[in-house]
């Protein structure tokens, strides 16, 4: 993504989210984020398109692609068609039982050693099997890869997440173990600008949720 073009890309989606009905194509929410020259598009669907058979996005997909073409380019070296811009999900975890409807999403971007998805998934699986996710209000975790890019989509109970930020020290040993276990496979995306874990968090520049849809529909 061309640096500083969020104000060009965001309005394109805002226009089509407002004037078309993405929900008719199964899309009920989207978040656009940027990070160190990367453009990330998180799409929320009513159900997995692999199950529903509905693979299309907005009816105006071609118009959107043409409008944002001056500002974004494909990332993977093997890119030949739009499907190659979809990151591969290699791990997911959600807790059992009900979760708070008041949730927030964080997208963390790092470098990864290509081909280490299985090892990274194992680290998170071991951690998620313990009490850390519940203590920190994690309501969902999804891990994605695209060549050397590692994307960690984290959903948390908003109140618990705020409490953890206020009292991060009490969780430091548990977080430190996860980071140490990941160290052979994961590193900052840009070591020159990275100072703390917060520097790995992508910035939201457009968010849309279908006005006639609520979780559980």
N, C-alpha and C. Protein backbone atom coordinates (compact mmCIF):
# COMPACT_ATOMS: atom_id res chain seq x y z
N UNK A 1 0.85 -1.18 0.00
CA UNK A 1 0.00 0.00 0.00
C UNK A 1 0.90 1.25 0.00
N UNK A 2 0.58 2.19 -0.90
CA UNK A 2 1.37 3.42 -0.95
C UNK A 2 1.20 4.17 0.37
N UNK A 3 2.29 4.54 1.03
CA UNK A 3 2.20 5.22 2.32
C UNK A 3 1.33 6.47 2.26
N UNK A 4 0.48 6.63 3.27
CA UNK A 4 -0.34 7.82 3.37
C UNK A 4 -1.57 7.85 2.48
N UNK A 5 -1.96 6.70 1.91
CA UNK A 5 -3.12 6.70 1.02
C UNK A 5 -4.38 6.11 1.67
N UNK A 6 -4.36 6.00 2.98
CA UNK A 6 -5.56 5.50 3.66
C UNK A 6 -6.78 6.36 3.34
N UNK A 7 -6.56 7.68 3.21
CA UNK A 7 -7.67 8.59 2.94
C UNK A 7 -8.15 8.50 1.50
N UNK A 8 -7.47 7.72 0.67
CA UNK A 8 -7.92 7.45 -0.69
C UNK A 8 -8.68 6.13 -0.75
N UNK A 9 -8.16 5.13 -0.06
CA UNK A 9 -8.75 3.78 -0.11
C UNK A 9 -10.01 3.69 0.75
N UNK A 10 -9.96 4.26 1.96
CA UNK A 10 -11.10 4.17 2.87
C UNK A 10 -12.40 4.71 2.28
N UNK A 11 -12.40 5.90 1.69
CA UNK A 11 -13.63 6.45 1.13
C UNK A 11 -14.23 5.62 0.00
N UNK A 12 -13.40 4.89 -0.73
CA UNK A 12 -13.93 4.03 -1.79
C UNK A 12 -14.84 2.96 -1.18
N UNK A 13 -14.35 2.30 -0.13
CA UNK A 13 -15.17 1.28 0.53
C UNK A 13 -16.35 1.91 1.25
N UNK A 14 -16.15 3.08 1.85
CA UNK A 14 -17.25 3.75 2.54
C UNK A 14 -18.39 4.03 1.58
N UNK A 15 -18.07 4.44 0.35
CA UNK A 15 -19.10 4.74 -0.65
C UNK A 15 -19.88 3.48 -1.01
N UNK A 16 -19.18 2.40 -1.33
CA UNK A 16 -19.88 1.19 -1.75
C UNK A 16 -20.56 0.47 -0.59
N UNK A 17 -20.01 0.58 0.62
CA UNK A 17 -20.69 0.01 1.78
C UNK A 17 -22.00 0.75 2.04
N UNK A 18 -22.02 2.03 1.69
CA UNK A 18 -23.21 2.85 1.92
C UNK A 18 -24.25 2.71 0.81
N UNK A 19 -23.81 2.52 -0.42
CA UNK A 19 -24.73 2.56 -1.56
C UNK A 19 -25.10 1.19 -2.10
N UNK A 20 -24.43 0.14 -1.65
CA UNK A 20 -24.81 -1.22 -2.05
C UNK A 20 -25.16 -2.00 -0.79
N UNK A 21 -25.47 -3.27 -0.94
CA UNK A 21 -25.81 -4.10 0.21
C UNK A 21 -24.84 -5.29 0.27
N UNK A 22 -23.66 -5.08 0.86
CA UNK A 22 -22.71 -6.19 0.98
C UNK A 22 -23.32 -7.40 1.69
N UNK A 23 -24.25 -7.16 2.63
CA UNK A 23 -24.84 -8.25 3.38
C UNK A 23 -25.61 -9.23 2.50
N UNK A 24 -26.08 -8.76 1.34
CA UNK A 24 -26.76 -9.66 0.42
C UNK A 24 -25.79 -10.67 -0.18
N UNK A 25 -24.52 -10.35 -0.14
CA UNK A 25 -23.48 -11.26 -0.61
C UNK A 25 -22.84 -12.02 0.55
N UNK A 26 -23.43 -11.90 1.74
CA UNK A 26 -22.92 -12.61 2.90
C UNK A 26 -21.92 -11.84 3.73
N UNK A 27 -21.54 -10.61 3.30
CA UNK A 27 -20.58 -9.80 4.05
C UNK A 27 -21.33 -8.93 5.04
N UNK A 28 -21.06 -9.09 6.34
CA UNK A 28 -21.78 -8.33 7.36
C UNK A 28 -20.88 -7.34 8.10
N UNK A 29 -19.61 -7.34 7.77
CA UNK A 29 -18.71 -6.38 8.40
C UNK A 29 -17.35 -6.40 7.73
N UNK A 30 -16.65 -5.27 7.82
CA UNK A 30 -15.29 -5.23 7.29
C UNK A 30 -14.48 -4.20 8.09
N UNK A 31 -13.20 -4.46 8.17
CA UNK A 31 -12.26 -3.53 8.80
C UNK A 31 -11.06 -3.41 7.87
N UNK A 32 -10.69 -2.18 7.52
CA UNK A 32 -9.49 -1.94 6.73
C UNK A 32 -8.42 -1.39 7.65
N UNK A 33 -7.20 -1.93 7.55
CA UNK A 33 -6.11 -1.53 8.40
C UNK A 33 -4.85 -1.33 7.57
N UNK A 34 -3.93 -0.55 8.12
CA UNK A 34 -2.63 -0.38 7.46
C UNK A 34 -1.53 -0.61 8.48
N UNK A 35 -0.40 -1.09 7.96
CA UNK A 35 0.74 -1.32 8.84
C UNK A 35 2.03 -1.37 8.02
N UNK A 36 2.92 -0.44 8.22
CA UNK A 36 4.25 -0.44 7.61
C UNK A 36 4.18 -0.71 6.10
N UNK A 37 3.26 -0.04 5.41
CA UNK A 37 3.15 -0.23 3.97
C UNK A 37 2.29 -1.41 3.55
N UNK A 38 1.71 -2.10 4.53
CA UNK A 38 0.81 -3.21 4.22
C UNK A 38 -0.64 -2.75 4.32
N UNK A 39 -1.47 -3.29 3.47
CA UNK A 39 -2.91 -3.03 3.47
C UNK A 39 -3.60 -4.33 3.87
N UNK A 40 -4.39 -4.28 4.94
CA UNK A 40 -5.08 -5.48 5.43
C UNK A 40 -6.58 -5.25 5.41
N UNK A 41 -7.29 -6.23 4.90
CA UNK A 41 -8.74 -6.15 4.75
C UNK A 41 -9.35 -7.35 5.47
N UNK A 42 -9.97 -7.11 6.61
CA UNK A 42 -10.60 -8.17 7.40
C UNK A 42 -12.10 -8.17 7.09
N UNK A 43 -12.61 -9.29 6.62
CA UNK A 43 -14.02 -9.41 6.23
C UNK A 43 -14.74 -10.34 7.20
N UNK A 44 -15.89 -9.89 7.68
CA UNK A 44 -16.73 -10.73 8.54
C UNK A 44 -17.93 -11.20 7.72
N UNK A 45 -18.17 -12.49 7.73
CA UNK A 45 -19.28 -13.07 6.97
C UNK A 45 -20.27 -13.77 7.90
N UNK A 46 -21.49 -13.93 7.42
CA UNK A 46 -22.50 -14.63 8.19
C UNK A 46 -22.09 -16.07 8.42
N UNK A 47 -21.47 -16.67 7.41
CA UNK A 47 -20.99 -18.04 7.52
C UNK A 47 -19.82 -18.23 6.58
N UNK A 48 -19.09 -19.29 6.80
CA UNK A 48 -17.91 -19.58 5.99
C UNK A 48 -18.34 -19.76 4.53
N UNK A 49 -17.75 -18.99 3.59
CA UNK A 49 -18.14 -19.14 2.19
C UNK A 49 -17.84 -20.52 1.63
N UNK A 50 -16.91 -21.26 2.27
CA UNK A 50 -16.65 -22.62 1.83
C UNK A 50 -17.86 -23.51 2.08
N UNK A 51 -18.67 -23.12 3.10
CA UNK A 51 -19.87 -23.89 3.43
C UNK A 51 -21.07 -23.39 2.64
N UNK A 52 -21.21 -22.07 2.59
CA UNK A 52 -22.37 -21.48 1.93
C UNK A 52 -22.28 -21.51 0.41
N UNK A 53 -21.04 -21.60 -0.10
CA UNK A 53 -20.86 -21.55 -1.55
C UNK A 53 -20.84 -20.13 -2.09
N UNK A 54 -21.07 -19.14 -1.23
CA UNK A 54 -21.08 -17.73 -1.64
C UNK A 54 -19.68 -17.17 -1.50
N UNK A 55 -18.99 -17.03 -2.60
CA UNK A 55 -17.61 -16.57 -2.57
C UNK A 55 -17.46 -15.12 -2.99
N UNK A 56 -18.52 -14.52 -3.50
CA UNK A 56 -18.43 -13.15 -3.99
C UNK A 56 -18.44 -12.15 -2.84
N UNK A 57 -17.89 -10.99 -3.10
CA UNK A 57 -17.94 -9.91 -2.12
C UNK A 57 -18.97 -8.90 -2.53
N UNK A 58 -18.60 -7.64 -2.57
CA UNK A 58 -19.53 -6.61 -3.00
C UNK A 58 -19.90 -6.78 -4.47
N UNK A 59 -21.14 -6.43 -4.83
CA UNK A 59 -21.50 -6.47 -6.26
C UNK A 59 -20.60 -5.57 -7.09
N UNK A 60 -20.07 -4.50 -6.49
CA UNK A 60 -19.23 -3.54 -7.21
C UNK A 60 -17.75 -3.87 -7.07
N UNK A 61 -17.41 -5.15 -6.89
CA UNK A 61 -16.03 -5.55 -6.62
C UNK A 61 -15.06 -5.01 -7.67
N UNK A 62 -15.42 -5.12 -8.96
CA UNK A 62 -14.52 -4.67 -10.02
C UNK A 62 -14.29 -3.17 -9.96
N UNK A 63 -15.35 -2.42 -9.66
CA UNK A 63 -15.22 -0.96 -9.58
C UNK A 63 -14.30 -0.57 -8.42
N UNK A 64 -14.42 -1.28 -7.31
CA UNK A 64 -13.56 -1.02 -6.16
C UNK A 64 -12.10 -1.33 -6.50
N UNK A 65 -11.89 -2.48 -7.14
CA UNK A 65 -10.53 -2.89 -7.49
C UNK A 65 -9.88 -1.84 -8.39
N UNK A 66 -10.63 -1.30 -9.33
CA UNK A 66 -10.08 -0.28 -10.23
C UNK A 66 -9.80 1.03 -9.48
N UNK A 67 -10.69 1.38 -8.54
CA UNK A 67 -10.54 2.65 -7.82
C UNK A 67 -9.33 2.65 -6.89
N UNK A 68 -9.02 1.51 -6.29
CA UNK A 68 -7.90 1.46 -5.35
C UNK A 68 -6.60 1.00 -6.00
N UNK A 69 -6.66 0.63 -7.27
CA UNK A 69 -5.47 0.12 -7.97
C UNK A 69 -4.27 1.06 -7.92
N UNK A 70 -4.45 2.39 -7.95
CA UNK A 70 -3.27 3.27 -7.88
C UNK A 70 -2.56 3.24 -6.53
N UNK A 71 -3.22 2.68 -5.52
CA UNK A 71 -2.69 2.78 -4.16
C UNK A 71 -2.26 1.45 -3.55
N UNK A 72 -2.76 0.33 -4.08
CA UNK A 72 -2.40 -0.97 -3.51
C UNK A 72 -1.90 -1.90 -4.61
N UNK A 73 -0.96 -2.76 -4.24
CA UNK A 73 -0.42 -3.74 -5.17
C UNK A 73 -0.36 -5.09 -4.48
N UNK A 74 -0.37 -6.19 -5.22
CA UNK A 74 -0.33 -7.53 -4.61
C UNK A 74 0.95 -7.73 -3.80
N UNK A 75 0.83 -8.47 -2.71
CA UNK A 75 2.00 -8.76 -1.88
C UNK A 75 2.73 -10.03 -2.29
N UNK A 76 2.03 -11.16 -2.44
CA UNK A 76 2.76 -12.42 -2.68
C UNK A 76 3.48 -12.47 -4.03
N UNK A 77 4.64 -13.10 -4.04
CA UNK A 77 5.43 -13.21 -5.26
C UNK A 77 4.75 -14.10 -6.30
N UNK A 78 3.83 -14.96 -5.86
CA UNK A 78 3.15 -15.89 -6.76
C UNK A 78 1.81 -15.36 -7.27
N UNK A 79 1.54 -14.06 -7.03
CA UNK A 79 0.22 -13.50 -7.34
C UNK A 79 -0.10 -13.59 -8.84
N UNK A 80 -1.30 -14.13 -9.14
CA UNK A 80 -1.80 -14.17 -10.51
C UNK A 80 -3.24 -13.71 -10.61
N UNK A 81 -4.01 -13.87 -9.51
CA UNK A 81 -5.40 -13.45 -9.49
C UNK A 81 -5.77 -13.03 -8.07
N UNK A 82 -6.92 -12.35 -7.88
CA UNK A 82 -7.28 -11.81 -6.56
C UNK A 82 -7.29 -12.84 -5.43
N UNK A 83 -7.57 -14.10 -5.74
CA UNK A 83 -7.62 -15.11 -4.67
C UNK A 83 -6.26 -15.30 -4.01
N UNK A 84 -5.19 -14.94 -4.72
CA UNK A 84 -3.85 -15.08 -4.16
C UNK A 84 -3.53 -14.00 -3.13
N UNK A 85 -4.43 -13.02 -2.98
CA UNK A 85 -4.25 -11.99 -1.95
C UNK A 85 -4.92 -12.38 -0.63
N UNK A 86 -5.53 -13.56 -0.58
CA UNK A 86 -6.19 -14.02 0.64
C UNK A 86 -5.19 -14.79 1.50
N UNK A 87 -4.97 -14.31 2.71
CA UNK A 87 -4.02 -14.97 3.61
C UNK A 87 -4.56 -16.34 4.03
N UNK A 88 -3.65 -17.24 4.34
CA UNK A 88 -4.01 -18.60 4.74
C UNK A 88 -4.22 -18.67 6.25
N UNK A 89 -5.41 -19.09 6.67
CA UNK A 89 -5.63 -19.29 8.11
C UNK A 89 -5.04 -20.64 8.50
N UNK A 90 -4.21 -20.64 9.54
CA UNK A 90 -3.61 -21.90 9.96
C UNK A 90 -3.88 -22.25 11.42
N UNK A 91 -4.60 -21.37 12.12
CA UNK A 91 -4.97 -21.70 13.51
C UNK A 91 -6.13 -20.81 13.93
N UNK A 92 -7.04 -21.37 14.72
CA UNK A 92 -8.11 -20.56 15.32
C UNK A 92 -8.50 -21.16 16.66
N UNK A 93 -8.97 -20.29 17.54
CA UNK A 93 -9.40 -20.74 18.86
C UNK A 93 -10.50 -19.81 19.37
N UNK A 94 -11.57 -20.39 19.89
CA UNK A 94 -12.62 -19.62 20.56
C UNK A 94 -12.96 -20.38 21.84
N UNK A 95 -13.31 -19.66 22.91
CA UNK A 95 -13.62 -20.33 24.17
C UNK A 95 -14.98 -21.03 24.11
N UNK A 96 -15.18 -21.94 25.00
CA UNK A 96 -16.47 -22.60 25.11
C UNK A 96 -17.45 -21.68 25.83
N UNK A 97 -18.73 -21.80 25.51
CA UNK A 97 -19.74 -21.02 26.21
C UNK A 97 -19.94 -19.63 25.62
N UNK A 98 -20.75 -18.84 26.30
CA UNK A 98 -21.08 -17.50 25.84
C UNK A 98 -19.92 -16.53 26.05
N UNK A 99 -19.82 -15.54 25.19
CA UNK A 99 -18.82 -14.50 25.34
C UNK A 99 -19.51 -13.14 25.36
N UNK A 100 -18.83 -12.15 25.90
CA UNK A 100 -19.40 -10.81 26.00
C UNK A 100 -19.66 -10.22 24.61
N UNK A 101 -20.81 -9.55 24.43
CA UNK A 101 -21.08 -8.90 23.15
C UNK A 101 -20.23 -7.64 22.96
N UNK A 102 -19.64 -7.14 24.06
CA UNK A 102 -18.83 -5.93 23.99
C UNK A 102 -17.37 -6.34 23.80
N UNK A 103 -16.99 -6.47 22.52
CA UNK A 103 -15.66 -6.99 22.20
C UNK A 103 -14.89 -6.00 21.34
N UNK A 104 -13.57 -6.12 21.36
CA UNK A 104 -12.72 -5.31 20.51
C UNK A 104 -11.75 -6.21 19.76
N UNK A 105 -11.35 -5.76 18.60
CA UNK A 105 -10.45 -6.54 17.77
C UNK A 105 -9.10 -5.83 17.63
N UNK A 106 -8.04 -6.61 17.72
CA UNK A 106 -6.69 -6.11 17.51
C UNK A 106 -6.04 -6.97 16.43
N UNK A 107 -5.35 -6.33 15.49
CA UNK A 107 -4.65 -7.07 14.44
C UNK A 107 -3.16 -6.81 14.61
N UNK A 108 -2.40 -7.87 14.85
CA UNK A 108 -0.97 -7.80 15.11
C UNK A 108 -0.23 -8.34 13.89
N UNK A 109 0.77 -7.60 13.41
CA UNK A 109 1.50 -7.99 12.21
C UNK A 109 2.97 -8.18 12.54
N UNK A 110 3.54 -9.32 12.13
CA UNK A 110 4.95 -9.61 12.36
C UNK A 110 5.54 -10.35 11.17
N UNK A 111 6.83 -10.50 11.17
CA UNK A 111 7.50 -11.36 10.21
C UNK A 111 7.47 -12.79 10.76
N UNK A 112 7.48 -13.75 9.85
CA UNK A 112 7.59 -15.15 10.28
C UNK A 112 8.54 -15.89 9.34
N UNK A 113 9.16 -16.91 9.88
CA UNK A 113 10.00 -17.75 9.06
C UNK A 113 9.06 -18.61 8.19
N UNK A 114 9.13 -18.50 6.87
CA UNK A 114 8.21 -19.25 6.01
C UNK A 114 8.22 -20.75 6.32
N UNK A 115 7.03 -21.31 6.35
CA UNK A 115 6.90 -22.74 6.58
C UNK A 115 6.83 -23.14 8.04
N UNK A 116 6.72 -22.17 8.95
CA UNK A 116 6.71 -22.49 10.39
C UNK A 116 5.31 -22.39 11.00
N UNK A 117 4.29 -22.42 10.16
CA UNK A 117 2.91 -22.32 10.67
C UNK A 117 2.61 -23.37 11.73
N UNK A 118 3.02 -24.58 11.51
CA UNK A 118 2.72 -25.66 12.45
C UNK A 118 3.35 -25.39 13.82
N UNK A 119 4.58 -24.92 13.82
CA UNK A 119 5.27 -24.63 15.09
C UNK A 119 4.61 -23.46 15.81
N UNK A 120 4.23 -22.42 15.07
CA UNK A 120 3.57 -21.26 15.68
C UNK A 120 2.22 -21.67 16.24
N UNK A 121 1.47 -22.46 15.49
CA UNK A 121 0.16 -22.92 15.96
C UNK A 121 0.30 -23.73 17.24
N UNK A 122 1.35 -24.53 17.32
CA UNK A 122 1.55 -25.35 18.52
C UNK A 122 1.79 -24.48 19.75
N UNK A 123 2.54 -23.40 19.61
CA UNK A 123 2.79 -22.50 20.73
C UNK A 123 1.48 -21.90 21.24
N UNK A 124 0.65 -21.43 20.32
CA UNK A 124 -0.62 -20.82 20.74
C UNK A 124 -1.59 -21.87 21.29
N UNK A 125 -1.58 -23.05 20.71
CA UNK A 125 -2.48 -24.10 21.20
C UNK A 125 -2.15 -24.46 22.64
N UNK A 126 -0.86 -24.54 22.96
CA UNK A 126 -0.45 -24.85 24.33
C UNK A 126 -0.88 -23.74 25.29
N UNK A 127 -0.73 -22.49 24.86
CA UNK A 127 -1.12 -21.37 25.71
C UNK A 127 -2.64 -21.29 25.86
N UNK A 128 -3.36 -21.49 24.76
CA UNK A 128 -4.81 -21.40 24.80
C UNK A 128 -5.45 -22.54 25.59
N UNK A 129 -4.72 -23.62 25.78
CA UNK A 129 -5.24 -24.74 26.58
C UNK A 129 -5.18 -24.43 28.07
N UNK A 130 -4.44 -23.38 28.44
CA UNK A 130 -4.33 -22.99 29.85
C UNK A 130 -5.30 -21.87 30.19
N UNK A 131 -5.00 -21.15 31.26
CA UNK A 131 -5.92 -20.13 31.76
C UNK A 131 -5.70 -18.74 31.22
N UNK A 132 -4.60 -18.52 30.48
CA UNK A 132 -4.27 -17.17 30.03
C UNK A 132 -5.36 -16.52 29.18
N UNK A 133 -5.94 -17.21 28.20
CA UNK A 133 -6.98 -16.56 27.39
C UNK A 133 -8.16 -16.07 28.22
N UNK A 134 -8.63 -16.89 29.15
CA UNK A 134 -9.76 -16.50 29.99
C UNK A 134 -9.40 -15.32 30.87
N UNK A 135 -8.21 -15.34 31.43
CA UNK A 135 -7.78 -14.27 32.33
C UNK A 135 -7.65 -12.94 31.59
N UNK A 136 -7.29 -12.99 30.32
CA UNK A 136 -7.08 -11.77 29.54
C UNK A 136 -8.29 -11.42 28.67
N UNK A 137 -9.38 -12.16 28.81
CA UNK A 137 -10.61 -11.84 28.10
C UNK A 137 -10.62 -12.17 26.63
N UNK A 138 -9.77 -13.10 26.21
CA UNK A 138 -9.73 -13.46 24.79
C UNK A 138 -11.01 -14.21 24.41
N UNK A 139 -11.70 -13.71 23.39
CA UNK A 139 -12.94 -14.34 22.92
C UNK A 139 -12.76 -14.96 21.54
N UNK A 140 -11.58 -14.83 20.98
CA UNK A 140 -11.30 -15.45 19.69
C UNK A 140 -9.90 -15.12 19.23
N UNK A 141 -9.28 -16.08 18.55
CA UNK A 141 -7.93 -15.87 18.02
C UNK A 141 -7.84 -16.59 16.67
N UNK A 142 -7.32 -15.86 15.67
CA UNK A 142 -7.15 -16.43 14.34
C UNK A 142 -5.77 -16.05 13.83
N UNK A 143 -5.02 -17.03 13.35
CA UNK A 143 -3.67 -16.79 12.85
C UNK A 143 -3.62 -17.03 11.34
N UNK A 144 -2.95 -16.10 10.63
CA UNK A 144 -2.86 -16.18 9.17
C UNK A 144 -1.42 -15.99 8.72
N UNK A 145 -1.13 -16.52 7.54
CA UNK A 145 0.20 -16.33 6.97
C UNK A 145 0.10 -16.03 5.48
N UNK A 146 1.08 -15.27 5.00
CA UNK A 146 1.25 -15.03 3.56
C UNK A 146 2.73 -14.83 3.33
N UNK A 147 3.37 -15.83 2.78
CA UNK A 147 4.82 -15.85 2.63
C UNK A 147 5.49 -15.55 3.97
N UNK A 148 6.14 -14.38 4.12
CA UNK A 148 6.86 -14.10 5.37
C UNK A 148 6.07 -13.20 6.32
N UNK A 149 4.78 -12.98 6.05
CA UNK A 149 3.96 -12.13 6.90
C UNK A 149 3.07 -12.99 7.80
N UNK A 150 3.09 -12.68 9.09
CA UNK A 150 2.28 -13.36 10.10
C UNK A 150 1.27 -12.37 10.64
N UNK A 151 -0.02 -12.71 10.52
CA UNK A 151 -1.09 -11.83 10.99
C UNK A 151 -1.86 -12.54 12.10
N UNK A 152 -1.95 -11.88 13.24
CA UNK A 152 -2.63 -12.43 14.42
C UNK A 152 -3.85 -11.56 14.70
N UNK A 153 -5.02 -12.09 14.43
CA UNK A 153 -6.26 -11.37 14.68
C UNK A 153 -6.78 -11.81 16.05
N UNK A 154 -6.84 -10.87 16.98
CA UNK A 154 -7.19 -11.15 18.37
C UNK A 154 -8.47 -10.41 18.75
N UNK A 155 -9.45 -11.15 19.27
CA UNK A 155 -10.69 -10.54 19.74
C UNK A 155 -10.77 -10.71 21.26
N UNK A 156 -11.11 -9.62 21.96
CA UNK A 156 -11.14 -9.66 23.42
C UNK A 156 -12.36 -8.96 23.99
N UNK A 157 -12.76 -9.40 25.17
CA UNK A 157 -13.76 -8.69 25.96
C UNK A 157 -13.16 -7.32 26.27
N UNK A 158 -13.90 -6.26 25.94
CA UNK A 158 -13.36 -4.91 26.04
C UNK A 158 -12.96 -4.54 27.48
N UNK A 159 -13.79 -4.90 28.44
CA UNK A 159 -13.52 -4.54 29.83
C UNK A 159 -12.29 -5.28 30.36
N UNK A 160 -12.22 -6.59 30.10
CA UNK A 160 -11.09 -7.38 30.57
C UNK A 160 -9.79 -6.94 29.88
N UNK A 161 -9.88 -6.61 28.61
CA UNK A 161 -8.69 -6.18 27.88
C UNK A 161 -8.14 -4.89 28.48
N UNK A 162 -9.04 -3.97 28.84
CA UNK A 162 -8.62 -2.71 29.45
C UNK A 162 -7.95 -2.97 30.80
N UNK A 163 -8.50 -3.92 31.56
CA UNK A 163 -7.94 -4.24 32.87
C UNK A 163 -6.53 -4.83 32.73
N UNK A 164 -6.34 -5.65 31.70
CA UNK A 164 -5.02 -6.25 31.47
C UNK A 164 -4.00 -5.17 31.11
N UNK A 165 -4.42 -4.22 30.29
CA UNK A 165 -3.50 -3.13 29.93
C UNK A 165 -3.11 -2.31 31.15
N UNK A 166 -4.05 -2.15 32.08
CA UNK A 166 -3.77 -1.39 33.31
C UNK A 166 -2.85 -2.16 34.25
N UNK A 167 -2.95 -3.50 34.21
CA UNK A 167 -2.17 -4.32 35.14
C UNK A 167 -1.40 -5.38 34.37
N UNK A 168 -0.67 -4.94 33.35
CA UNK A 168 0.04 -5.86 32.47
C UNK A 168 1.12 -6.64 33.21
N UNK A 169 1.64 -6.04 34.27
CA UNK A 169 2.76 -6.66 34.99
C UNK A 169 2.39 -8.02 35.55
N UNK A 170 1.13 -8.19 35.98
CA UNK A 170 0.72 -9.46 36.59
C UNK A 170 0.72 -10.59 35.56
N UNK A 171 0.58 -10.24 34.28
CA UNK A 171 0.54 -11.25 33.23
C UNK A 171 1.89 -11.44 32.54
N UNK A 172 2.87 -10.62 32.93
CA UNK A 172 4.15 -10.63 32.22
C UNK A 172 4.79 -12.01 32.09
N UNK A 173 4.86 -12.82 33.17
CA UNK A 173 5.52 -14.14 33.02
C UNK A 173 4.85 -15.02 31.96
N UNK A 174 3.51 -15.02 31.93
CA UNK A 174 2.81 -15.86 30.95
C UNK A 174 3.03 -15.35 29.54
N UNK A 175 2.94 -14.02 29.35
CA UNK A 175 3.19 -13.43 28.04
C UNK A 175 4.63 -13.68 27.61
N UNK A 176 5.55 -13.56 28.55
CA UNK A 176 6.97 -13.73 28.24
C UNK A 176 7.26 -15.15 27.74
N UNK A 177 6.58 -16.13 28.31
CA UNK A 177 6.79 -17.52 27.87
C UNK A 177 6.33 -17.69 26.42
N UNK A 178 5.15 -17.14 26.10
CA UNK A 178 4.64 -17.25 24.73
C UNK A 178 5.61 -16.59 23.76
N UNK A 179 6.09 -15.40 24.11
CA UNK A 179 7.02 -14.67 23.23
C UNK A 179 8.33 -15.42 23.06
N UNK A 180 8.81 -16.03 24.15
CA UNK A 180 10.06 -16.79 24.08
C UNK A 180 9.89 -18.03 23.20
N UNK A 181 8.75 -18.68 23.31
CA UNK A 181 8.48 -19.88 22.51
C UNK A 181 8.33 -19.53 21.03
N UNK A 182 7.83 -18.32 20.75
CA UNK A 182 7.64 -17.89 19.36
C UNK A 182 8.92 -17.34 18.73
N UNK A 183 9.88 -16.95 19.57
CA UNK A 183 11.08 -16.25 19.10
C UNK A 183 11.81 -16.93 17.93
N UNK A 184 11.90 -18.27 17.89
CA UNK A 184 12.62 -18.88 16.76
C UNK A 184 11.90 -18.71 15.42
N UNK A 185 10.61 -18.37 15.46
CA UNK A 185 9.81 -18.35 14.24
C UNK A 185 9.27 -16.96 13.86
N UNK A 186 9.16 -16.05 14.83
CA UNK A 186 8.49 -14.77 14.62
C UNK A 186 9.40 -13.63 15.05
N UNK A 187 9.35 -12.52 14.33
CA UNK A 187 10.15 -11.34 14.67
C UNK A 187 9.40 -10.09 14.24
N UNK A 188 9.82 -8.89 14.71
CA UNK A 188 9.14 -7.66 14.31
C UNK A 188 9.16 -7.49 12.79
N UNK A 189 8.08 -6.95 12.25
CA UNK A 189 8.01 -6.74 10.80
C UNK A 189 9.08 -5.76 10.35
N UNK A 190 9.26 -4.69 11.13
CA UNK A 190 10.31 -3.71 10.82
C UNK A 190 11.12 -3.45 12.08
N UNK A 191 12.22 -4.15 12.26
CA UNK A 191 13.03 -3.99 13.48
C UNK A 191 13.49 -2.56 13.73
N UNK A 192 13.62 -1.76 12.67
CA UNK A 192 14.12 -0.40 12.83
C UNK A 192 13.12 0.52 13.54
N UNK A 193 11.83 0.22 13.43
CA UNK A 193 10.82 1.07 14.06
C UNK A 193 10.19 0.42 15.29
N UNK A 194 10.46 -0.87 15.50
CA UNK A 194 9.81 -1.60 16.59
C UNK A 194 10.51 -1.34 17.93
N UNK A 195 9.72 -1.02 18.95
CA UNK A 195 10.27 -0.84 20.30
C UNK A 195 9.52 -1.65 21.34
N UNK A 196 8.20 -1.74 21.22
CA UNK A 196 7.38 -2.51 22.16
C UNK A 196 6.34 -3.30 21.37
N UNK A 197 5.72 -4.30 22.00
CA UNK A 197 4.69 -5.08 21.29
C UNK A 197 3.58 -4.23 20.67
N UNK A 198 3.28 -3.07 21.26
CA UNK A 198 2.25 -2.20 20.69
C UNK A 198 2.63 -1.72 19.29
N UNK A 199 3.93 -1.73 18.98
CA UNK A 199 4.38 -1.28 17.67
C UNK A 199 4.06 -2.29 16.57
N UNK A 200 3.54 -3.45 16.95
CA UNK A 200 3.15 -4.47 15.96
C UNK A 200 1.66 -4.42 15.63
N UNK A 201 0.95 -3.48 16.23
CA UNK A 201 -0.51 -3.40 16.04
C UNK A 201 -0.85 -2.54 14.83
N UNK A 202 -1.66 -3.09 13.92
CA UNK A 202 -2.09 -2.36 12.73
C UNK A 202 -3.12 -1.29 13.09
N UNK A 203 -3.19 -0.26 12.25
CA UNK A 203 -4.10 0.87 12.50
C UNK A 203 -5.35 0.77 11.63
N UNK A 204 -6.50 0.90 12.25
CA UNK A 204 -7.78 0.85 11.53
C UNK A 204 -8.04 2.19 10.84
N UNK A 205 -8.40 2.15 9.55
CA UNK A 205 -8.76 3.40 8.88
C UNK A 205 -10.14 3.37 8.23
N UNK A 206 -10.81 2.22 8.26
CA UNK A 206 -12.22 2.14 7.83
C UNK A 206 -12.86 0.95 8.52
N UNK A 207 -14.08 1.16 9.01
CA UNK A 207 -14.81 0.08 9.65
C UNK A 207 -16.28 0.18 9.25
N UNK A 208 -16.87 -0.95 8.91
CA UNK A 208 -18.29 -0.99 8.53
C UNK A 208 -18.93 -2.26 9.07
N UNK A 209 -20.16 -2.11 9.59
CA UNK A 209 -20.96 -3.25 10.02
C UNK A 209 -22.35 -3.10 9.42
N UNK A 210 -22.90 -4.18 8.88
CA UNK A 210 -24.23 -4.13 8.28
C UNK A 210 -25.23 -3.62 9.31
N UNK A 211 -25.99 -2.57 9.01
CA UNK A 211 -26.91 -1.99 9.99
C UNK A 211 -28.09 -2.89 10.34
N UNK A 212 -28.39 -3.86 9.50
CA UNK A 212 -29.54 -4.74 9.77
C UNK A 212 -29.11 -6.14 10.19
N UNK A 213 -27.90 -6.22 10.78
CA UNK A 213 -27.40 -7.51 11.22
C UNK A 213 -26.79 -7.38 12.59
N UNK A 214 -27.03 -8.39 13.44
CA UNK A 214 -26.40 -8.47 14.74
C UNK A 214 -25.87 -9.87 14.94
N UNK A 215 -24.78 -10.06 15.72
CA UNK A 215 -24.26 -11.40 15.97
C UNK A 215 -25.36 -12.32 16.47
N UNK A 216 -25.41 -13.50 15.89
CA UNK A 216 -26.46 -14.45 16.27
C UNK A 216 -27.53 -14.57 15.22
N UNK A 217 -27.60 -13.61 14.31
CA UNK A 217 -28.59 -13.69 13.22
C UNK A 217 -28.33 -14.88 12.34
